[in-house]
C-alpha atoms as a PDB file:
ATOM      1  CA  MET A   1     177.242 104.414 135.343  1.00  0.00           C
ATOM      2  CA  LYS A   2     175.084 104.591 132.111  1.00  0.00           C
ATOM      3  CA  ILE A   3     175.302 108.715 131.950  1.00  0.00           C
ATOM      4  CA  LYS A   4     179.375 108.227 132.635  1.00  0.00           C
ATOM      5  CA  LYS A   5     179.376 105.901 129.508  1.00  0.00           C
ATOM      6  CA  ARG A   6     177.388 108.277 127.236  1.00  0.00           C
ATOM      7  CA  SER A   7     179.946 110.993 128.255  1.00  0.00           C
ATOM      8  CA  LEU A   8     182.922 109.348 127.679  1.00  0.00           C
ATOM      9  CA  LEU A   9     181.525 108.203 124.304  1.00  0.00           C
ATOM     10  CA  PHE A  10     180.655 112.094 123.664  1.00  0.00           C
ATOM     11  CA  ASN A  11     183.998 112.893 124.288  1.00  0.00           C
ATOM     12  CA  MET A  12     185.747 110.333 122.333  1.00  0.00           C
ATOM     13  CA  ILE A  13     183.287 111.580 119.661  1.00  0.00           C
ATOM     14  CA  PHE A  14     184.423 115.171 119.882  1.00  0.00           C
ATOM     15  CA  LEU A  15     187.954 114.694 120.462  1.00  0.00           C
ATOM     16  CA  ILE A  16     187.925 112.814 116.888  1.00  0.00           C
ATOM     17  CA  SER A  17     185.995 115.246 115.441  1.00  0.00           C
ATOM     18  CA  PHE A  18     188.280 118.130 116.171  1.00  0.00           C
ATOM     19  CA  PHE A  19     191.399 116.281 115.507  1.00  0.00           C
ATOM     20  CA  MET A  20     190.168 115.730 112.043  1.00  0.00           C
ATOM     21  CA  ILE A  21     189.070 119.363 111.198  1.00  0.00           C
ATOM     22  CA  SER A  22     192.438 120.598 113.590  1.00  0.00           C
ATOM     23  CA  PHE A  23     195.093 118.837 111.754  1.00  0.00           C
ATOM     24  CA  PRO A  24     196.737 120.027 108.503  1.00  0.00           C
ATOM     25  CA  LEU A  25     196.011 117.896 105.220  1.00  0.00           C
ATOM     26  CA  TYR A  26     199.637 116.830 105.371  1.00  0.00           C
ATOM     27  CA  ALA A  27     199.270 115.033 108.868  1.00  0.00           C
ATOM     28  CA  GLN A  28     196.657 113.580 107.672  1.00  0.00           C
ATOM     29  CA  GLU A  29     198.148 112.162 104.348  1.00  0.00           C
ATOM     30  CA  LYS A  30     200.645 110.021 106.497  1.00  0.00           C
ATOM     31  CA  THR A  31     199.722 106.818 107.333  1.00  0.00           C
ATOM     32  CA  VAL A  32     200.500 104.398 110.366  1.00  0.00           C
ATOM     33  CA  SER A  33     201.303 100.868 110.026  1.00  0.00           C
ATOM     34  CA  LEU A  34     201.332  98.607 113.741  1.00  0.00           C
ATOM     35  CA  ASP A  35     201.815  95.097 114.636  1.00  0.00           C
ATOM     36  CA  VAL A  36     202.294  94.742 117.966  1.00  0.00           C
ATOM     37  CA  GLU A  37     201.131  92.206 120.762  1.00  0.00           C
ATOM     38  CA  ASN A  38     200.805  93.124 124.245  1.00  0.00           C
ATOM     39  CA  MET A  39     203.039  96.087 124.048  1.00  0.00           C
ATOM     40  CA  ASN A  40     203.499  99.124 126.273  1.00  0.00           C
ATOM     41  CA  ILE A  41     200.837 101.678 125.656  1.00  0.00           C
ATOM     42  CA  GLU A  42     203.511 104.446 125.602  1.00  0.00           C
ATOM     43  CA  THR A  43     205.959 102.889 123.507  1.00  0.00           C
ATOM     44  CA  VAL A  44     203.395 102.348 121.023  1.00  0.00           C
ATOM     45  CA  LEU A  45     202.566 105.732 120.634  1.00  0.00           C
ATOM     46  CA  LYS A  46     205.760 106.867 120.356  1.00  0.00           C
ATOM     47  CA  MET A  47     206.004 104.168 117.307  1.00  0.00           C
ATOM     48  CA  VAL A  48     202.908 106.231 116.157  1.00  0.00           C
ATOM     49  CA  ALA A  49     204.792 109.689 116.748  1.00  0.00           C
ATOM     50  CA  GLU A  50     207.720 108.534 114.692  1.00  0.00           C
ATOM     51  CA  GLN A  51     206.022 107.587 111.903  1.00  0.00           C
ATOM     52  CA  SER A  52     203.850 110.522 111.566  1.00  0.00           C
ATOM     53  CA  GLY A  53     206.612 112.720 112.471  1.00  0.00           C
ATOM     54  CA  LEU A  54     204.447 114.300 115.149  1.00  0.00           C
ATOM     55  CA  ASN A  55     205.376 115.224 118.935  1.00  0.00           C
ATOM     56  CA  VAL A  56     203.521 113.373 121.614  1.00  0.00           C
ATOM     57  CA  SER A  57     203.171 114.371 125.138  1.00  0.00           C
ATOM     58  CA  ILE A  58     201.425 111.536 127.441  1.00  0.00           C
ATOM     59  CA  SER A  59     200.198 112.022 130.777  1.00  0.00           C
ATOM     60  CA  LYS A  60     201.965 109.575 133.575  1.00  0.00           C
ATOM     61  CA  ASN A  61     198.320 108.148 134.301  1.00  0.00           C
ATOM     62  CA  VAL A  62     197.931 106.529 130.885  1.00  0.00           C
ATOM     63  CA  VAL A  63     199.343 103.017 131.452  1.00  0.00           C
ATOM     64  CA  GLY A  64     198.065  99.498 129.959  1.00  0.00           C
ATOM     65  CA  ALA A  65     199.113  97.033 126.941  1.00  0.00           C
ATOM     66  CA  VAL A  66     197.910  97.251 123.496  1.00  0.00           C
ATOM     67  CA  THR A  67     197.613  94.452 120.961  1.00  0.00           C
ATOM     68  CA  VAL A  68     196.475  95.921 117.677  1.00  0.00           C
ATOM     69  CA  LYS A  69     197.315  95.626 113.844  1.00  0.00           C
ATOM     70  CA  LEU A  70     197.193  98.463 111.534  1.00  0.00           C
ATOM     71  CA  GLU A  71     198.242  98.666 107.886  1.00  0.00           C
ATOM     72  CA  ASN A  72     198.502 102.150 106.393  1.00  0.00           C
ATOM     73  CA  VAL A  73     195.933 103.833 108.277  1.00  0.00           C
ATOM     74  CA  ASN A  74     195.444 107.629 108.659  1.00  0.00           C
ATOM     75  CA  ILE A  75     197.172 108.905 111.738  1.00  0.00           C
ATOM     76  CA  TYR A  76     193.949 109.910 113.406  1.00  0.00           C
ATOM     77  CA  LYS A  77     192.650 106.352 112.802  1.00  0.00           C
ATOM     78  CA  ALA A  78     195.747 104.655 114.427  1.00  0.00           C
ATOM     79  CA  LEU A  79     195.244 106.888 117.680  1.00  0.00           C
ATOM     80  CA  ASP A  80     191.565 106.215 118.213  1.00  0.00           C
ATOM     81  CA  ALA A  81     192.368 102.298 117.527  1.00  0.00           C
ATOM     82  CA  VAL A  82     195.325 102.183 120.046  1.00  0.00           C
ATOM     83  CA  LEU A  83     193.360 104.785 122.839  1.00  0.00           C
ATOM     84  CA  LYS A  84     190.025 103.671 122.553  1.00  0.00           C
ATOM     85  CA  THR A  85     190.384 100.283 123.995  1.00  0.00           C
ATOM     86  CA  ASN A  86     192.125 102.161 127.140  1.00  0.00           C
ATOM     87  CA  ASN A  87     189.424 104.506 127.188  1.00  0.00           C
ATOM     88  CA  TYR A  88     192.092 107.335 126.976  1.00  0.00           C
ATOM     89  CA  LEU A  89     191.664 110.447 124.970  1.00  0.00           C
ATOM     90  CA  TYR A  90     193.671 112.683 122.917  1.00  0.00           C
ATOM     91  CA  SER A  91     193.800 116.278 121.441  1.00  0.00           C
ATOM     92  CA  MET A  92     196.344 118.278 119.051  1.00  0.00           C
ATOM     93  CA  GLU A  93     197.535 121.384 120.176  1.00  0.00           C
ATOM     94  CA  ASN A  94     200.434 123.269 118.473  1.00  0.00           C
ATOM     95  CA  GLY A  95     201.616 120.268 116.480  1.00  0.00           C
ATOM     96  CA  ILE A  96     201.666 118.157 119.502  1.00  0.00           C
ATOM     97  CA  ILE A  97     199.583 115.122 120.476  1.00  0.00           C
ATOM     98  CA  ASN A  98     198.229 115.024 124.194  1.00  0.00           C
ATOM     99  CA  VAL A  99     197.243 111.625 125.380  1.00  0.00           C
ATOM    100  CA  TYR A 100     195.565 111.792 128.762  1.00  0.00           C
ATOM    101  CA  THR A 101     192.942 109.820 130.719  1.00  0.00           C
ATOM    102  CA  TYR A 102     189.054 111.002 131.002  1.00  0.00           C
ATOM    103  CA  GLN A 103     189.515 111.521 134.889  1.00  0.00           C
ATOM    104  CA  GLU A 104     192.050 114.175 134.319  1.00  0.00           C
ATOM    105  CA  LEU A 105     189.853 115.827 131.706  1.00  0.00           C
ATOM    106  CA  GLN A 106     186.754 116.092 133.941  1.00  0.00           C
ATOM    107  CA  GLN A 107     188.949 117.248 136.782  1.00  0.00           C
ATOM    108  CA  GLU A 108     190.172 120.026 134.364  1.00  0.00           C
ATOM    109  CA  GLU A 109     187.153 121.334 133.279  1.00  0.00           C
ATOM    110  CA  ARG A 110     185.164 121.093 136.446  1.00  0.00           C
ATOM    111  CA  PHE A 111     186.620 124.163 138.180  1.00  0.00           C
ATOM    112  CA  VAL A 112     187.134 126.461 134.927  1.00  0.00           C
ATOM    113  CA  ASN A 113     184.937 129.274 134.589  1.00  0.00           C
ATOM    114  CA  LEU A 114     182.399 129.256 131.441  1.00  0.00           C
ATOM    115  CA  GLN A 115     182.217 132.160 128.701  1.00  0.00           C
ATOM    116  CA  THR A 116     180.012 133.009 125.936  1.00  0.00           C
ATOM    117  CA  LYS A 117     181.032 134.147 122.327  1.00  0.00           C
ATOM    118  CA  VAL A 118     179.002 134.737 119.156  1.00  0.00           C
ATOM    119  CA  PHE A 119     180.518 134.070 115.762  1.00  0.00           C
ATOM    120  CA  THR A 120     178.908 135.415 112.677  1.00  0.00           C
ATOM    121  CA  LEU A 121     179.996 133.352 109.795  1.00  0.00           C
ATOM    122  CA  ALA A 122     180.228 134.877 105.982  1.00  0.00           C
ATOM    123  CA  HIS A 123     180.451 132.002 103.695  1.00  0.00           C
ATOM    124  CA  ALA A 124     179.571 128.743 105.560  1.00  0.00           C
ATOM    125  CA  ASP A 125     175.706 127.752 106.666  1.00  0.00           C
ATOM    126  CA  VAL A 126     175.610 127.442 110.505  1.00  0.00           C
ATOM    127  CA  ILE A 127     173.365 124.916 110.158  1.00  0.00           C
ATOM    128  CA  ASP A 128     175.531 122.616 108.079  1.00  0.00           C
ATOM    129  CA  LEU A 129     178.416 122.934 110.858  1.00  0.00           C
ATOM    130  CA  LYS A 130     175.702 122.374 113.594  1.00  0.00           C
ATOM    131  CA  ARG A 131     176.667 118.356 114.178  1.00  0.00           C
ATOM    132  CA  VAL A 132     180.246 119.411 114.052  1.00  0.00           C
ATOM    133  CA  LEU A 133     179.902 121.559 116.489  1.00  0.00           C
ATOM    134  CA  LEU A 134     177.890 119.759 118.890  1.00  0.00           C
ATOM    135  CA  SER A 135     180.350 116.991 119.158  1.00  0.00           C
ATOM    136  CA  MET A 136     182.948 119.211 119.705  1.00  0.00           C
ATOM    137  CA  LYS A 137     181.661 121.150 122.708  1.00  0.00           C
ATOM    138  CA  THR A 138     182.547 119.708 126.296  1.00  0.00           C
ATOM    139  CA  PRO A 139     180.218 118.233 128.665  1.00  0.00           C
ATOM    140  CA  ARG A 140     179.307 121.577 130.086  1.00  0.00           C
ATOM    141  CA  GLY A 141     179.672 123.548 126.920  1.00  0.00           C
ATOM    142  CA  LYS A 142     176.476 124.730 124.915  1.00  0.00           C
ATOM    143  CA  ILE A 143     175.883 125.646 121.159  1.00  0.00           C
ATOM    144  CA  GLU A 144     173.246 127.871 120.144  1.00  0.00           C
ATOM    145  CA  ILE A 145     172.075 128.014 116.383  1.00  0.00           C
ATOM    146  CA  ASN A 146     170.931 131.615 115.046  1.00  0.00           C
ATOM    147  CA  ALA A 147     170.125 130.518 111.438  1.00  0.00           C
ATOM    148  CA  LYS A 148     168.455 134.028 110.548  1.00  0.00           C
ATOM    149  CA  ASN A 149     171.780 135.904 111.166  1.00  0.00           C
ATOM    150  CA  ASN A 150     173.843 132.706 110.420  1.00  0.00           C
ATOM    151  CA  GLN A 151     175.530 133.003 113.802  1.00  0.00           C
ATOM    152  CA  VAL A 152     176.620 130.542 116.583  1.00  0.00           C
ATOM    153  CA  ILE A 153     176.653 131.063 119.880  1.00  0.00           C
ATOM    154  CA  ILE A 154     179.345 129.016 122.055  1.00  0.00           C
ATOM    155  CA  THR A 155     179.364 128.804 125.796  1.00  0.00           C
ATOM    156  CA  ASP A 156     182.219 126.728 127.044  1.00  0.00           C
ATOM    157  CA  THR A 157     185.284 126.885 128.619  1.00  0.00           C
ATOM    158  CA  PRO A 158     187.736 129.546 127.303  1.00  0.00           C
ATOM    159  CA  GLU A 159     189.933 126.772 126.202  1.00  0.00           C
ATOM    160  CA  LYS A 160     187.425 125.440 124.048  1.00  0.00           C
ATOM    161  CA  VAL A 161     185.884 128.491 122.646  1.00  0.00           C
ATOM    162  CA  ARG A 162     189.189 129.427 121.854  1.00  0.00           C
ATOM    163  CA  GLU A 163     189.549 125.821 119.409  1.00  0.00           C
ATOM    164  CA  ILE A 164     186.025 126.060 118.574  1.00  0.00           C
ATOM    165  CA  GLY A 165     186.553 129.844 116.719  1.00  0.00           C
ATOM    166  CA  GLU A 166     189.541 128.510 115.241  1.00  0.00           C
ATOM    167  CA  ALA A 167     188.011 125.766 113.659  1.00  0.00           C
ATOM    168  CA  LEU A 168     185.223 127.877 112.612  1.00  0.00           C
ATOM    169  CA  GLN A 169     187.555 130.432 110.999  1.00  0.00           C
ATOM    170  CA  GLU A 170     188.909 127.630 109.042  1.00  0.00           C
ATOM    171  CA  LEU A 171     185.798 126.310 107.766  1.00  0.00           C
ATOM    172  CA  ASP A 172     184.069 129.698 107.429  1.00  0.00           C
ATOM    173  CA  GLN A 173     186.031 130.094 103.680  1.00  0.00           C
ATOM    174  CA  LYS A 174     184.508 130.926 100.612  1.00  0.00           C
ATOM    175  CA  MET A 175     184.443 127.714  98.517  1.00  0.00           C
ATOM    176  CA  GLU A 176     186.648 127.525  95.348  1.00  0.00           C
ATOM    177  CA  MET A 177     186.510 124.911  92.532  1.00  0.00           C
ATOM    178  CA  ARG A 178     189.134 123.072  90.660  1.00  0.00           C
ATOM    179  CA  LYS A 179     189.140 120.551  87.993  1.00  0.00           C
ATOM    180  CA  TYR A 180     192.459 118.222  88.238  1.00  0.00           C
ATOM    181  CA  LYS A 181     192.809 116.349  84.915  1.00  0.00           C
ATOM    182  CA  LEU A 182     194.845 113.171  85.165  1.00  0.00           C
ATOM    183  CA  LEU A 183     197.379 111.965  82.904  1.00  0.00           C
ATOM    184  CA  TYR A 184     198.613 108.646  84.526  1.00  0.00           C
ATOM    185  CA  SER A 185     196.405 107.681  87.576  1.00  0.00           C
ATOM    186  CA  GLU A 186     192.607 106.884  87.374  1.00  0.00           C
ATOM    187  CA  ALA A 187     190.190 109.361  88.840  1.00  0.00           C
ATOM    188  CA  ARG A 188     188.360 106.962  90.985  1.00  0.00           C
ATOM    189  CA  GLU A 189     191.749 106.012  92.955  1.00  0.00           C
ATOM    190  CA  ILE A 190     192.380 109.712  93.174  1.00  0.00           C
ATOM    191  CA  GLU A 191     189.013 110.063  94.598  1.00  0.00           C
ATOM    192  CA  THR A 192     189.377 107.179  96.960  1.00  0.00           C
ATOM    193  CA  LYS A 193     192.505 108.885  98.514  1.00  0.00           C
ATOM    194  CA  LEU A 194     191.006 112.418  98.806  1.00  0.00           C
ATOM    195  CA  LEU A 195     187.717 110.907 100.488  1.00  0.00           C
ATOM    196  CA  GLN A 196     189.946 109.989 103.254  1.00  0.00           C
ATOM    197  CA  LEU A 197     192.031 113.095 103.770  1.00  0.00           C
ATOM    198  CA  ILE A 198     188.905 115.826 103.267  1.00  0.00           C
ATOM    199  CA  PRO A 199     186.047 115.828 106.079  1.00  0.00           C
ATOM    200  CA  LYS A 200     182.657 116.219 104.431  1.00  0.00           C
ATOM    201  CA  GLU A 201     181.952 119.545 105.761  1.00  0.00           C
ATOM    202  CA  LYS A 202     185.276 120.744 104.167  1.00  0.00           C
ATOM    203  CA  GLY A 203     184.826 120.101 100.714  1.00  0.00           C
ATOM    204  CA  ASP A 204     183.021 118.089  97.928  1.00  0.00           C
ATOM    205  CA  ILE A 205     184.816 115.776  95.437  1.00  0.00           C
ATOM    206  CA  TYR A 206     183.021 115.024  91.823  1.00  0.00           C
ATOM    207  CA  VAL A 207     184.616 112.519  89.306  1.00  0.00           C
ATOM    208  CA  ASP A 208     184.267 113.343  85.575  1.00  0.00           C
ATOM    209  CA  GLU A 209     184.949 109.481  83.619  1.00  0.00           C
ATOM    210  CA  ARG A 210     185.173 110.752  80.561  1.00  0.00           C
ATOM    211  CA  THR A 211     187.950 113.213  80.891  1.00  0.00           C
ATOM    212  CA  ASN A 212     189.377 111.502  83.890  1.00  0.00           C
ATOM    213  CA  SER A 213     189.280 114.278  85.900  1.00  0.00           C
ATOM    214  CA  VAL A 214     188.624 114.995  89.568  1.00  0.00           C
ATOM    215  CA  ILE A 215     186.631 118.078  90.391  1.00  0.00           C
ATOM    216  CA  VAL A 216     187.036 119.490  94.003  1.00  0.00           C
ATOM    217  CA  ARG A 217     184.925 122.370  95.558  1.00  0.00           C
ATOM    218  CA  ALA A 218     186.766 123.531  99.122  1.00  0.00           C
ATOM    219  CA  THR A 219     188.667 126.315 100.771  1.00  0.00           C
ATOM    220  CA  PRO A 220     191.861 127.868  98.913  1.00  0.00           C
ATOM    221  CA  VAL A 221     194.266 126.802 101.695  1.00  0.00           C
ATOM    222  CA  ILE A 222     192.895 122.732 101.060  1.00  0.00           C
ATOM    223  CA  LEU A 223     193.027 123.107  97.126  1.00  0.00           C
ATOM    224  CA  ASN A 224     196.607 124.182  97.696  1.00  0.00           C
ATOM    225  CA  ASN A 225     197.291 121.143  99.852  1.00  0.00           C
ATOM    226  CA  ILE A 226     195.568 119.163  97.104  1.00  0.00           C
ATOM    227  CA  ASP A 227     197.746 120.691  94.300  1.00  0.00           C
ATOM    228  CA  GLU A 228     200.669 119.406  95.730  1.00  0.00           C
ATOM    229  CA  LEU A 229     199.026 115.845  96.748  1.00  0.00           C
ATOM    230  CA  ILE A 230     197.980 115.574  92.968  1.00  0.00           C
ATOM    231  CA  GLU A 231     201.196 116.218  91.347  1.00  0.00           C
ATOM    232  CA  GLY A 232     202.722 113.650  93.528  1.00  0.00           C
ATOM    233  CA  TRP A 233     200.042 111.113  92.778  1.00  0.00           C
ATOM    234  CA  ASP A 234     199.847 111.398  89.225  1.00  0.00           C
ATOM    235  CA  THR A 235     203.197 110.163  87.830  1.00  0.00           C
ATOM    236  CA  GLN A 236     203.925 107.930  85.219  1.00  0.00           C
ATOM    237  CA  HIS A 237     204.235 104.510  86.065  1.00  0.00           C
ATOM    238  CA  ARG A 238     207.347 102.474  85.155  1.00  0.00           C
ATOM    239  CA  GLN A 239     207.121  99.756  82.823  1.00  0.00           C
ATOM    240  CA  VAL A 240     208.946  96.361  82.503  1.00  0.00           C
ATOM    241  CA  LEU A 241     209.898  94.475  79.586  1.00  0.00           C
ATOM    242  CA  ILE A 242     209.968  90.730  80.161  1.00  0.00           C
ATOM    243  CA  GLU A 243     211.608  88.752  77.162  1.00  0.00           C
ATOM    244  CA  ALA A 244     212.259  85.200  76.718  1.00  0.00           C
ATOM    245  CA  LYS A 245     213.550  82.850  74.134  1.00  0.00           C
ATOM    246  CA  ILE A 246     212.755  79.105  73.954  1.00  0.00           C
ATOM    247  CA  LEU A 247     215.202  76.988  72.146  1.00  0.00           C
ATOM    248  CA  GLU A 248     215.238  73.635  70.713  1.00  0.00           C
ATOM    249  CA  VAL A 249     218.887  72.593  70.692  1.00  0.00           C
ATOM    250  CA  THR A 250     220.188  69.538  68.961  1.00  0.00           C
ATOM    251  CA  LEU A 251     223.898  68.516  69.596  1.00  0.00           C
ATOM    252  CA  ASP A 252     226.229  66.655  67.127  1.00  0.00           C
ATOM    253  CA  GLU A 253     228.366  63.607  67.930  1.00  0.00           C
ATOM    254  CA  THR A 254     231.135  65.364  68.929  1.00  0.00           C
ATOM    255  CA  MET A 255     228.861  67.742  71.473  1.00  0.00           C
ATOM    256  CA  LYS A 256     226.819  64.826  73.384  1.00  0.00           C
ATOM    257  CA  LEU A 257     227.710  64.567  76.788  1.00  0.00           C
ATOM    258  CA  GLY A 258     227.158  61.702  79.500  1.00  0.00           C
ATOM    259  CA  VAL A 259     227.196  62.259  83.377  1.00  0.00           C
ATOM    260  CA  GLU A 260     228.412  59.624  85.486  1.00  0.00           C
ATOM    261  CA  TRP A 261     226.651  59.761  88.749  1.00  0.00           C
ATOM    262  CA  GLN A 262     228.869  57.566  90.882  1.00  0.00           C
ATOM    263  CA  HIS A 263     231.612  59.338  93.330  1.00  0.00           C
ATOM    264  CA  LYS A 264     234.642  58.695  95.385  1.00  0.00           C
ATOM    265  CA  ASP A 265     234.054  61.578  97.465  1.00  0.00           C
ATOM    266  CA  THR A 266     232.790  65.298  97.942  1.00  0.00           C
ATOM    267  CA  ASP A 267     235.757  66.579  96.370  1.00  0.00           C
ATOM    268  CA  SER A 268     236.360  63.977  93.538  1.00  0.00           C
ATOM    269  CA  LEU A 269     233.481  64.042  90.734  1.00  0.00           C
ATOM    270  CA  HIS A 270     234.007  61.767  87.690  1.00  0.00           C
ATOM    271  CA  SER A 271     233.472  64.565  85.200  1.00  0.00           C
ATOM    272  CA  PRO A 272     233.733  64.423  81.011  1.00  0.00           C
ATOM    273  CA  SER A 273     235.426  66.830  79.049  1.00  0.00           C
ATOM    274  CA  TYR A 274     234.075  69.780  77.826  1.00  0.00           C
ATOM    275  CA  THR A 275     234.151  72.300  75.161  1.00  0.00           C
ATOM    276  CA  ASP A 276     234.803  75.576  75.673  1.00  0.00           C
ATOM    277  CA  PHE A 277     232.274  78.345  73.957  1.00  0.00           C
ATOM    278  CA  ALA A 278     234.582  80.716  72.378  1.00  0.00           C
ATOM    279  CA  VAL A 279     233.039  83.721  74.341  1.00  0.00           C
ATOM    280  CA  LYS A 280     233.838  85.315  77.113  1.00  0.00           C
ATOM    281  CA  PHE A 281     231.210  85.323  79.941  1.00  0.00           C
ATOM    282  CA  PRO A 282     231.311  87.182  83.320  1.00  0.00           C
ATOM    283  CA  VAL A 283     233.147  85.265  85.910  1.00  0.00           C
ATOM    284  CA  SER A 284     229.671  85.224  88.093  1.00  0.00           C
ATOM    285  CA  LEU A 285     228.018  83.664  85.029  1.00  0.00           C
ATOM    286  CA  ALA A 286     230.087  81.137  83.544  1.00  0.00           C
ATOM    287  CA  THR A 287     233.302  78.677  84.744  1.00  0.00           C
ATOM    288  CA  THR A 288     235.437  76.864  82.711  1.00  0.00           C
ATOM    289  CA  GLY A 289     234.116  74.546  80.059  1.00  0.00           C
ATOM    290  CA  GLY A 290     231.297  76.631  79.217  1.00  0.00           C
ATOM    291  CA  ILE A 291     229.106  75.349  82.301  1.00  0.00           C
ATOM    292  CA  PHE A 292     226.507  78.145  83.245  1.00  0.00           C
ATOM    293  CA  LYS A 293     225.155  79.049  86.473  1.00  0.00           C
ATOM    294  CA  ILE A 294     221.720  80.261  87.570  1.00  0.00           C
ATOM    295  CA  GLY A 295     221.985  84.429  87.331  1.00  0.00           C
ATOM    296  CA  SER A 296     220.879  87.417  85.287  1.00  0.00           C
ATOM    297  CA  LEU A 297     222.249  88.109  81.802  1.00  0.00           C
ATOM    298  CA  THR A 298     222.713  91.536  80.950  1.00  0.00           C
ATOM    299  CA  ALA A 299     221.069  92.565  77.124  1.00  0.00           C
ATOM    300  CA  ASP A 300     224.532  92.216  75.563  1.00  0.00           C
ATOM    301  CA  GLU A 301     225.364  88.917  77.307  1.00  0.00           C
ATOM    302  CA  TYR A 302     221.933  87.605  76.619  1.00  0.00           C
ATOM    303  CA  ALA A 303     222.573  88.081  72.853  1.00  0.00           C
ATOM    304  CA  ILE A 304     226.061  86.311  73.124  1.00  0.00           C
ATOM    305  CA  THR A 305     224.814  83.423  74.825  1.00  0.00           C
ATOM    306  CA  LEU A 306     222.447  82.846  72.186  1.00  0.00           C
ATOM    307  CA  GLU A 307     225.248  83.329  69.428  1.00  0.00           C
ATOM    308  CA  ALA A 308     227.387  80.608  71.349  1.00  0.00           C
ATOM    309  CA  LEU A 309     224.532  78.099  71.065  1.00  0.00           C
ATOM    310  CA  LYS A 310     224.164  78.714  67.746  1.00  0.00           C
ATOM    311  CA  SER A 311     227.710  78.211  66.606  1.00  0.00           C
ATOM    312  CA  LYS A 312     228.268  75.108  68.589  1.00  0.00           C
ATOM    313  CA  ALA A 313     224.994  73.415  67.822  1.00  0.00           C
ATOM    314  CA  ASP A 314     221.761  73.090  65.893  1.00  0.00           C
ATOM    315  CA  THR A 315     219.870  75.807  67.653  1.00  0.00           C
ATOM    316  CA  GLU A 316     216.269  76.708  66.468  1.00  0.00           C
ATOM    317  CA  VAL A 317     214.274  79.556  68.030  1.00  0.00           C
ATOM    318  CA  LEU A 318     210.752  77.867  69.070  1.00  0.00           C
ATOM    319  CA  SER A 319     209.190  80.909  70.746  1.00  0.00           C
ATOM    320  CA  SER A 320     210.053  84.429  71.563  1.00  0.00           C
ATOM    321  CA  PRO A 321     207.105  85.598  74.173  1.00  0.00           C
ATOM    322  CA  ARG A 322     207.645  89.187  75.542  1.00  0.00           C
ATOM    323  CA  VAL A 323     205.375  91.022  77.957  1.00  0.00           C
ATOM    324  CA  VAL A 324     205.108  94.637  79.134  1.00  0.00           C
ATOM    325  CA  VAL A 325     203.858  95.346  82.762  1.00  0.00           C
ATOM    326  CA  ILE A 326     203.404  98.098  84.945  1.00  0.00           C
ATOM    327  CA  ASP A 327     206.303  97.733  87.612  1.00  0.00           C
ATOM    328  CA  GLY A 328     204.701  96.352  90.789  1.00  0.00           C
ATOM    329  CA  GLN A 329     202.051  94.286  88.966  1.00  0.00           C
ATOM    330  CA  GLU A 330     201.986  90.504  87.927  1.00  0.00           C
ATOM    331  CA  ALA A 331     201.919  89.404  84.540  1.00  0.00           C
ATOM    332  CA  SER A 332     201.821  85.951  82.864  1.00  0.00           C
ATOM    333  CA  ILE A 333     203.211  84.839  79.172  1.00  0.00           C
ATOM    334  CA  LEU A 334     201.011  81.812  77.164  1.00  0.00           C
ATOM    335  CA  VAL A 335     203.433  79.965  75.212  1.00  0.00           C
ATOM    336  CA  GLY A 336     201.294  77.930  73.007  1.00  0.00           C
ATOM    337  CA  SER A 337     198.467  77.624  70.358  1.00  0.00           C
ATOM    338  CA  SER A 338     195.060  77.428  70.214  1.00  0.00           C
ATOM    339  CA  GLU A 339     193.704  73.558  68.842  1.00  0.00           C
ATOM    340  CA  PRO A 340     190.447  73.270  67.439  1.00  0.00           C
ATOM    341  CA  TYR A 341     188.247  70.277  68.760  1.00  0.00           C
ATOM    342  CA  ILE A 342     184.874  68.914  67.557  1.00  0.00           C
ATOM    343  CA  VAL A 343     181.891  68.918  70.378  1.00  0.00           C
ATOM    344  CA  ALA A 344     178.852  66.796  69.115  1.00  0.00           C
ATOM    345  CA  THR A 345     175.851  67.126  70.572  1.00  0.00           C
ATOM    346  CA  THR A 346     172.253  65.955  70.068  1.00  0.00           C
ATOM    347  CA  ASP A 347     169.583  68.259  69.745  1.00  0.00           C
ATOM    348  CA  PRO A 348     166.575  67.008  72.098  1.00  0.00           C
ATOM    349  CA  VAL A 349     163.580  67.957  70.057  1.00  0.00           C
ATOM    350  CA  THR A 350     164.463  67.205  66.436  1.00  0.00           C
ATOM    351  CA  LYS A 351     167.194  64.275  67.405  1.00  0.00           C
ATOM    352  CA  LEU A 352     169.651  65.567  64.650  1.00  0.00           C
ATOM    353  CA  LEU A 353     173.334  65.538  65.445  1.00  0.00           C
ATOM    354  CA  VAL A 354     174.792  69.083  66.011  1.00  0.00           C
ATOM    355  CA  GLU A 355     178.603  69.800  65.474  1.00  0.00           C
ATOM    356  CA  GLU A 356     180.487  72.796  66.952  1.00  0.00           C
ATOM    357  CA  VAL A 357     184.051  73.386  66.511  1.00  0.00           C
ATOM    358  CA  LYS A 358     185.806  75.084  69.902  1.00  0.00           C
ATOM    359  CA  PHE A 359     189.516  75.678  70.748  1.00  0.00           C
ATOM    360  CA  ILE A 360     191.527  75.188  73.733  1.00  0.00           C
ATOM    361  CA  ASP A 361     194.918  76.909  74.398  1.00  0.00           C
END
């Protein structure tokens, strides 16, 4: 039983590792959000496929229910969360996510003849890739490292040898370095995003906070994808100007109004007479008699409203607070002043009274 559990865990690790290596960067960038309770696992996998834009093939033996809550996680992390609780496995081949049981994997590999193939790397160091390669092989497979000649000898099923060979071809590329100077985004923020997309074995990321730049060392294929990602991330944020005016309005004798709260029925309210403003408001914002509804005013309507108040009453602008904030973020406006007050304390040594002026908003 312990051996089976270890084998299952080993296969899960191998599949997750290969999944991260074989997935293109655009697929890794896709995020998935799920909030399901006791839902059929096949339905959940279809939801993952729809959100990621990938195809999915599910074995008829994959059954059960899933309860999971995920918010903007990478596709492979979402699949791991959905399948791990039921001990199911997955692999990626030609843009299709294949989901099957552990027993099906064992049955398929049990009768397959093994083959051996030698791969010589030109750029990458086989020692650095050893951990990844060991996690990719099947339980029957074998990985040998020839550090002197920078070679790896793989003995495994033909399909697995092919998969590992493709992964090695992708990993064994000459590394290049590019510097991305950011205009609007923070370098640390971009670094966090890139670390989620680029496995450690496929590149390095450095941050130059002085110039707000990100330096990436990776293969040309990965760097080309990063070019597109950073171009989309490093965009100017929209700014919102919020402006308000706080007025003190003093009505003269002809403008004072009283309110009678009694009424006969809902259709017959006792209302005083009103003085119409000599301006024309939008129907959605004003009604007969100059009664204002709660709503939004355009810049022109806002100015007209103030002019109307000034023309009909003694109006004084007490404050004109304004704030500029990035769209989607919170901002606050403090309307007031700092008032001084005196705090008196007695020095415990000299017994002298010490006064200090402080301010309160």
